[in-house]
Amino acid sequence: MNIQVNSDRTIDVDANLTARVKEDATRILNRFETKLTRVEIHLSDIDNQKSGRADKRCLIEVRPAGDKPLTASATTATTESAVDQALRKMQRSLTTFFGRKGRPATEVAAPVLKPKKSTAAEAPVAAKKKSPAKSSAAKKPTKLSPRGPKKKQIFQARRKNQPSR
């Protein structure tokens, strides 16, 4: 599991903060270590170094082996609490994700689709459904309003009866 810590220009990321964030990530996500390829932690300050409200944001992106990435984020007053909350959210999300799979992520493969075998009885039915004259007439666009011809006439009549300004 590769852990990357990124930040915007408003957050001062030094070696201590990076080490603490990586340590927390490995401690909380260690049971998924064999199932994850990469963990990206993005730290940012929402309102650009102004103080007063919860403005530190932590976004965590986790890439399970063979699946789409999962994300979790948290916004709090301090960077450390934002990282902790986002990691807890990610832990719950991964528990649910791998619990639904019912097996380790390394065993998950893309489903193999088998071609459908057509029988002799289905072939004439499929030929009858493909009528080019009917399908082109049904798809022909009209110049009516999307609400239909009657609604269009009603709205036009109302517009004519309104007093002019």
Protein backbone atom coordinates (compact mmCIF):
# COMPACT_ATOMS: atom_id res chain seq x y z
CA MET A 1 0.00 0.00 0.00
CA ASN A 2 1.56 3.25 -1.18
CA ILE A 3 0.58 6.36 0.84
CA GLN A 4 0.90 9.84 -0.69
CA VAL A 5 0.27 13.09 1.18
CA ASN A 6 -0.52 16.15 -0.95
CA SER A 7 -1.57 19.66 0.03
CA ASP A 8 -2.38 23.02 -1.47
CA ARG A 9 -0.14 26.03 -0.99
CA THR A 10 -1.96 27.24 2.15
CA ILE A 11 -1.12 24.18 4.27
CA ASP A 12 2.47 23.90 5.52
CA VAL A 13 3.32 20.22 5.21
CA ASP A 14 6.54 19.36 6.97
CA ALA A 15 8.12 16.00 7.73
CA ASN A 16 6.37 15.71 11.12
CA LEU A 17 2.88 16.23 9.68
CA THR A 18 3.57 13.86 6.79
CA ALA A 19 4.90 11.17 9.15
CA ARG A 20 1.94 11.55 11.52
CA VAL A 21 -0.61 11.37 8.66
CA LYS A 22 1.08 8.29 7.16
CA GLU A 23 1.24 6.63 10.59
CA ASP A 24 -2.47 7.27 11.21
CA ALA A 25 -3.37 5.98 7.75
CA THR A 26 -1.41 2.75 8.18
CA ARG A 27 -2.81 2.23 11.69
CA ILE A 28 -6.44 2.72 10.68
CA LEU A 29 -6.33 1.08 7.24
CA ASN A 30 -3.87 -1.75 8.03
CA ARG A 31 -6.43 -4.56 7.72
CA PHE A 32 -7.03 -3.55 4.08
CA GLU A 33 -3.30 -3.29 3.29
CA THR A 34 -3.19 -6.29 0.95
CA LYS A 35 -6.33 -5.16 -0.90
CA LEU A 36 -5.27 -1.56 -1.61
CA THR A 37 -2.75 -0.34 -4.15
CA ARG A 38 -2.57 3.35 -3.24
CA VAL A 39 -3.89 5.82 -0.66
CA GLU A 40 -3.82 9.53 -1.54
CA ILE A 41 -4.44 12.10 1.19
CA HIS A 42 -5.14 15.67 0.05
CA LEU A 43 -5.03 18.45 2.65
CA SER A 44 -6.42 21.90 1.91
CA ASP A 45 -7.55 25.11 3.56
CA ILE A 46 -10.96 26.08 2.24
CA ASP A 47 -10.95 29.82 2.90
CA ASN A 48 -7.25 30.51 2.31
CA GLN A 49 -5.77 31.05 5.79
CA LYS A 50 -8.71 32.98 7.26
CA SER A 51 -9.68 31.83 10.71
CA GLY A 52 -13.01 31.47 12.44
CA ARG A 53 -14.83 28.37 11.22
CA ALA A 54 -14.14 24.78 10.29
CA ASP A 55 -12.02 25.32 7.22
CA LYS A 56 -9.43 22.53 7.06
CA ARG A 57 -10.38 19.81 4.59
CA CYS A 58 -8.97 16.33 4.17
CA LEU A 59 -9.88 14.28 1.11
CA ILE A 60 -8.80 10.64 1.01
CA GLU A 61 -8.79 8.64 -2.20
CA VAL A 62 -8.23 4.90 -1.94
CA ARG A 63 -7.64 2.63 -4.91
CA PRO A 64 -8.68 -0.99 -4.31
CA ALA A 65 -6.95 -3.54 -6.53
CA GLY A 66 -9.07 -4.11 -9.65
CA ASP A 67 -11.87 -1.68 -8.72
CA LYS A 68 -12.82 1.96 -8.99
CA PRO A 69 -11.38 4.40 -6.45
CA LEU A 70 -13.28 5.32 -3.29
CA THR A 71 -13.20 8.74 -1.62
CA ALA A 72 -14.02 10.20 1.78
CA SER A 73 -13.63 13.75 3.04
CA ALA A 74 -13.96 15.70 6.27
CA THR A 75 -13.93 19.39 7.10
CA THR A 76 -12.99 20.56 10.62
CA ALA A 77 -11.14 23.34 12.43
CA THR A 78 -7.77 21.55 12.56
CA THR A 79 -5.83 19.49 10.05
CA GLU A 80 -5.25 16.59 12.47
CA SER A 81 -8.95 16.18 13.29
CA ALA A 82 -9.88 16.43 9.60
CA VAL A 83 -7.41 13.62 8.78
CA ASP A 84 -8.71 11.48 11.64
CA GLN A 85 -12.38 11.93 10.67
CA ALA A 86 -11.72 11.28 6.99
CA LEU A 87 -9.74 8.12 7.82
CA ARG A 88 -12.58 6.86 10.03
CA LYS A 89 -15.07 7.49 7.21
CA MET A 90 -12.82 5.67 4.77
CA GLN A 91 -12.47 2.72 7.15
CA ARG A 92 -16.26 2.38 7.36
CA SER A 93 -16.56 2.75 3.60
CA LEU A 94 -13.95 0.07 2.92
CA THR A 95 -15.55 -2.28 5.45
CA THR A 96 -18.85 -1.92 3.61
CA PHE A 97 -17.22 -2.15 0.18
CA PHE A 98 -15.29 -5.36 0.84
CA GLY A 99 -18.14 -6.79 2.93
CA ARG A 100 -20.46 -6.52 -0.06
CA LYS A 101 -17.88 -8.18 -2.25
CA GLY A 102 -17.71 -11.12 0.14
CA ARG A 103 -14.14 -11.92 -0.86
CA PRO A 104 -10.75 -10.22 -1.06
CA ALA A 105 -10.29 -7.60 -3.75
CA THR A 106 -7.44 -9.55 -5.35
CA GLU A 107 -9.85 -12.34 -6.29
CA VAL A 108 -12.30 -9.98 -7.99
CA ALA A 109 -12.20 -10.18 -11.78
CA ALA A 110 -14.30 -8.70 -14.51
CA PRO A 111 -17.41 -10.77 -15.27
CA VAL A 112 -17.23 -12.91 -18.38
CA LEU A 113 -20.29 -12.48 -20.56
CA LYS A 114 -21.33 -15.46 -22.60
CA PRO A 115 -23.02 -14.83 -25.95
CA LYS A 116 -26.70 -15.62 -25.95
CA LYS A 117 -27.60 -18.61 -28.06
CA SER A 118 -30.54 -17.90 -30.34
CA THR A 119 -32.97 -20.64 -31.18
CA ALA A 120 -34.77 -21.19 -34.46
CA ALA A 121 -38.08 -20.08 -32.90
CA GLU A 122 -36.67 -16.66 -31.81
CA ALA A 123 -35.13 -15.80 -35.21
CA PRO A 124 -38.44 -15.07 -37.08
CA VAL A 125 -39.69 -12.98 -34.14
CA ALA A 126 -36.55 -10.84 -34.22
CA ALA A 127 -36.93 -10.37 -37.99
CA LYS A 128 -40.53 -9.19 -37.59
CA LYS A 129 -39.55 -6.55 -35.01
CA LYS A 130 -37.06 -4.87 -37.31
CA SER A 131 -39.30 -2.90 -39.64
CA PRO A 132 -37.37 0.09 -41.04
CA ALA A 133 -40.46 1.97 -42.26
CA LYS A 134 -42.18 1.92 -38.87
CA SER A 135 -39.10 2.70 -36.80
CA SER A 136 -38.11 5.72 -38.90
CA ALA A 137 -41.64 7.13 -38.78
CA ALA A 138 -41.81 6.75 -35.03
CA LYS A 139 -38.48 8.53 -34.50
CA LYS A 140 -39.24 11.44 -36.82
CA PRO A 141 -38.91 14.71 -34.89
CA THR A 142 -41.87 17.06 -34.81
CA LYS A 143 -42.03 20.82 -34.47
CA LEU A 144 -44.54 20.69 -31.63
CA SER A 145 -43.75 21.86 -28.13
CA PRO A 146 -42.43 19.26 -25.74
CA ARG A 147 -45.70 19.45 -23.84
CA GLY A 148 -47.79 18.45 -26.83
CA PRO A 149 -50.00 20.26 -29.36
CA LYS A 150 -52.94 20.94 -27.05
CA LYS A 151 -50.81 22.51 -24.32
CA LYS A 152 -49.08 24.68 -26.89
CA GLN A 153 -52.41 26.06 -28.11
CA ILE A 154 -53.54 26.76 -24.56
CA PHE A 155 -50.37 28.71 -23.73
CA GLN A 156 -50.60 30.70 -26.97
CA ALA A 157 -54.24 31.63 -26.25
CA ARG A 158 -53.34 32.76 -22.73
CA ARG A 159 -50.48 34.88 -24.06
CA LYS A 160 -52.80 36.63 -26.49
CA ASN A 161 -55.38 37.37 -23.79
CA GLN A 162 -52.89 38.93 -21.34
CA PRO A 163 -52.95 42.72 -21.26
CA SER A 164 -49.90 44.36 -22.78
CA ARG A 165 -47.61 46.29 -20.51
